[in-house]
């Protein structure tokens, strides 16, 4: 069904102003969302953890040829696919260096 609507000249101007106002508000909202996402990305990047490792640089590990995974680790992630993949990757890297896991 086609409906023919007649708009008076003054009403046409009001409609045009409303459309422009809505477009400005949409653009303003997009700008705010983009700014918020940028700020969130910046904050998460700046708050990243810094890891430092301390060990005896003069210590020799040449005498060690075996390693084992501890089973009573309170921090262990149980039933995690990522933990299993990480453990397999470490096992592969250690075996390439000649270490034997048990």
C-alpha atoms as a PDB file:
ATOM      1  CA  UNK A   1       0.000   0.000   0.000  1.00  0.00           C
ATOM      2  CA  UNK A   2       1.489   3.343  -1.023  1.00  0.00           C
ATOM      3  CA  UNK A   3       0.758   6.331   1.126  1.00  0.00           C
ATOM      4  CA  UNK A   4       1.226   9.798  -0.184  1.00  0.00           C
ATOM      5  CA  UNK A   5       2.166  12.264   2.518  1.00  0.00           C
ATOM      6  CA  UNK A   6       2.126  15.965   1.917  1.00  0.00           C
ATOM      7  CA  UNK A   7       4.515  17.945   4.041  1.00  0.00           C
ATOM      8  CA  UNK A   8       4.185  21.699   4.398  1.00  0.00           C
ATOM      9  CA  UNK A   9       7.306  23.753   3.665  1.00  0.00           C
ATOM     10  CA  UNK A  10       7.827  24.636   7.349  1.00  0.00           C
ATOM     11  CA  UNK A  11       7.424  20.994   8.358  1.00  0.00           C
ATOM     12  CA  UNK A  12       9.865  19.948   5.641  1.00  0.00           C
ATOM     13  CA  UNK A  13      12.480  22.247   7.170  1.00  0.00           C
ATOM     14  CA  UNK A  14      11.842  20.770  10.632  1.00  0.00           C
ATOM     15  CA  UNK A  15      12.194  17.234   9.272  1.00  0.00           C
ATOM     16  CA  UNK A  16      15.433  18.206   7.559  1.00  0.00           C
ATOM     17  CA  UNK A  17      16.756  19.709  10.803  1.00  0.00           C
ATOM     18  CA  UNK A  18      15.783  16.579  12.739  1.00  0.00           C
ATOM     19  CA  UNK A  19      17.574  14.357  10.225  1.00  0.00           C
ATOM     20  CA  UNK A  20      20.719  16.491  10.437  1.00  0.00           C
ATOM     21  CA  UNK A  21      20.549  16.515  14.246  1.00  0.00           C
ATOM     22  CA  UNK A  22      20.217  12.728  14.304  1.00  0.00           C
ATOM     23  CA  UNK A  23      23.209  12.313  11.970  1.00  0.00           C
ATOM     24  CA  UNK A  24      25.289  14.621  14.159  1.00  0.00           C
ATOM     25  CA  UNK A  25      24.325  12.657  17.260  1.00  0.00           C
ATOM     26  CA  UNK A  26      25.188   9.360  15.551  1.00  0.00           C
ATOM     27  CA  UNK A  27      28.573  10.725  14.458  1.00  0.00           C
ATOM     28  CA  UNK A  28      29.172  12.063  17.957  1.00  0.00           C
ATOM     29  CA  UNK A  29      28.308   8.655  19.456  1.00  0.00           C
ATOM     30  CA  UNK A  30      30.655   6.877  17.028  1.00  0.00           C
ATOM     31  CA  UNK A  31      33.436   9.293  17.957  1.00  0.00           C
ATOM     32  CA  UNK A  32      32.838   8.704  21.671  1.00  0.00           C
ATOM     33  CA  UNK A  33      32.836   4.918  21.239  1.00  0.00           C
ATOM     34  CA  UNK A  34      36.052   5.076  19.210  1.00  0.00           C
ATOM     35  CA  UNK A  35      37.682   7.299  21.842  1.00  0.00           C
ATOM     36  CA  UNK A  36      36.566   4.950  24.615  1.00  0.00           C
ATOM     37  CA  UNK A  37      37.930   1.892  22.790  1.00  0.00           C
ATOM     38  CA  UNK A  38      41.232   3.679  22.169  1.00  0.00           C
ATOM     39  CA  UNK A  39      41.468   4.686  25.816  1.00  0.00           C
ATOM     40  CA  UNK A  40      40.659   1.141  26.941  1.00  0.00           C
ATOM     41  CA  UNK A  41      43.335  -0.287  24.649  1.00  0.00           C
ATOM     42  CA  UNK A  42      45.860   2.234  25.930  1.00  0.00           C
ATOM     43  CA  UNK A  43      45.065   1.514  29.586  1.00  0.00           C
ATOM     44  CA  UNK A  44      45.289  -2.262  29.133  1.00  0.00           C
ATOM     45  CA  UNK A  45      48.599  -1.882  27.316  1.00  0.00           C
ATOM     46  CA  UNK A  46      50.047   0.327  30.019  1.00  0.00           C
ATOM     47  CA  UNK A  47      48.865  -1.919  32.827  1.00  0.00           C
ATOM     48  CA  UNK A  48      50.462  -5.070  31.365  1.00  0.00           C
ATOM     49  CA  UNK A  49      52.498  -7.094  33.810  1.00  0.00           C
ATOM     50  CA  UNK A  50      56.247  -6.863  33.831  1.00  0.00           C
ATOM     51  CA  UNK A  51      58.012 -10.157  34.402  1.00  0.00           C
ATOM     52  CA  UNK A  52      61.532 -10.370  35.725  1.00  0.00           C
ATOM     53  CA  UNK A  53      63.612 -13.473  36.320  1.00  0.00           C
ATOM     54  CA  UNK A  54      66.465 -13.831  38.735  1.00  0.00           C
ATOM     55  CA  UNK A  55      68.859 -16.766  38.584  1.00  0.00           C
ATOM     56  CA  UNK A  56      72.511 -17.584  39.092  1.00  0.00           C
ATOM     57  CA  UNK A  57      74.189 -16.712  35.794  1.00  0.00           C
ATOM     58  CA  UNK A  58      77.285 -18.680  36.806  1.00  0.00           C
ATOM     59  CA  UNK A  59      75.326 -21.851  37.608  1.00  0.00           C
ATOM     60  CA  UNK A  60      75.802 -24.811  35.278  1.00  0.00           C
ATOM     61  CA  UNK A  61      72.850 -26.940  34.265  1.00  0.00           C
ATOM     62  CA  UNK A  62      74.980 -29.248  32.105  1.00  0.00           C
ATOM     63  CA  UNK A  63      74.868 -31.945  34.798  1.00  0.00           C
ATOM     64  CA  UNK A  64      71.090 -32.240  34.653  1.00  0.00           C
ATOM     65  CA  UNK A  65      69.612 -34.526  31.991  1.00  0.00           C
ATOM     66  CA  UNK A  66      66.148 -35.331  33.348  1.00  0.00           C
ATOM     67  CA  UNK A  67      63.127 -33.386  34.497  1.00  0.00           C
ATOM     68  CA  UNK A  68      59.645 -34.131  35.825  1.00  0.00           C
ATOM     69  CA  UNK A  69      56.330 -32.373  36.168  1.00  0.00           C
ATOM     70  CA  UNK A  70      55.154 -31.910  39.748  1.00  0.00           C
ATOM     71  CA  UNK A  71      51.744 -33.397  40.470  1.00  0.00           C
ATOM     72  CA  UNK A  72      50.973 -31.485  43.690  1.00  0.00           C
ATOM     73  CA  UNK A  73      51.110 -28.004  42.226  1.00  0.00           C
ATOM     74  CA  UNK A  74      48.441 -25.820  43.854  1.00  0.00           C
ATOM     75  CA  UNK A  75      48.651 -23.333  40.964  1.00  0.00           C
ATOM     76  CA  UNK A  76      48.115 -25.945  38.265  1.00  0.00           C
ATOM     77  CA  UNK A  77      45.232 -25.346  35.872  1.00  0.00           C
ATOM     78  CA  UNK A  78      43.266 -28.549  35.854  1.00  0.00           C
ATOM     79  CA  UNK A  79      41.793 -30.019  32.657  1.00  0.00           C
ATOM     80  CA  UNK A  80      42.924 -27.069  30.581  1.00  0.00           C
ATOM     81  CA  UNK A  81      43.657 -27.629  26.915  1.00  0.00           C
ATOM     82  CA  UNK A  82      46.022 -24.662  26.977  1.00  0.00           C
ATOM     83  CA  UNK A  83      47.944 -26.155  29.905  1.00  0.00           C
ATOM     84  CA  UNK A  84      48.206 -29.482  28.078  1.00  0.00           C
ATOM     85  CA  UNK A  85      49.467 -27.800  24.908  1.00  0.00           C
ATOM     86  CA  UNK A  86      51.993 -25.757  26.902  1.00  0.00           C
ATOM     87  CA  UNK A  87      53.253 -28.878  28.682  1.00  0.00           C
ATOM     88  CA  UNK A  88      53.598 -30.734  25.365  1.00  0.00           C
ATOM     89  CA  UNK A  89      55.496 -27.814  23.842  1.00  0.00           C
ATOM     90  CA  UNK A  90      57.865 -27.699  26.811  1.00  0.00           C
ATOM     91  CA  UNK A  91      58.333 -31.485  26.631  1.00  0.00           C
ATOM     92  CA  UNK A  92      59.212 -31.192  22.933  1.00  0.00           C
ATOM     93  CA  UNK A  93      61.668 -28.352  23.543  1.00  0.00           C
ATOM     94  CA  UNK A  94      63.327 -30.207  26.419  1.00  0.00           C
ATOM     95  CA  UNK A  95      63.657 -33.425  24.402  1.00  0.00           C
ATOM     96  CA  UNK A  96      65.260 -31.475  21.549  1.00  0.00           C
ATOM     97  CA  UNK A  97      67.853 -30.257  24.040  1.00  0.00           C
ATOM     98  CA  UNK A  98      68.533 -33.849  25.130  1.00  0.00           C
ATOM     99  CA  UNK A  99      66.629 -33.848  28.416  1.00  0.00           C
ATOM    100  CA  UNK A 100      64.447 -36.799  29.326  1.00  0.00           C
ATOM    101  CA  UNK A 101      61.145 -36.318  31.081  1.00  0.00           C
ATOM    102  CA  UNK A 102      59.661 -38.871  33.448  1.00  0.00           C
END
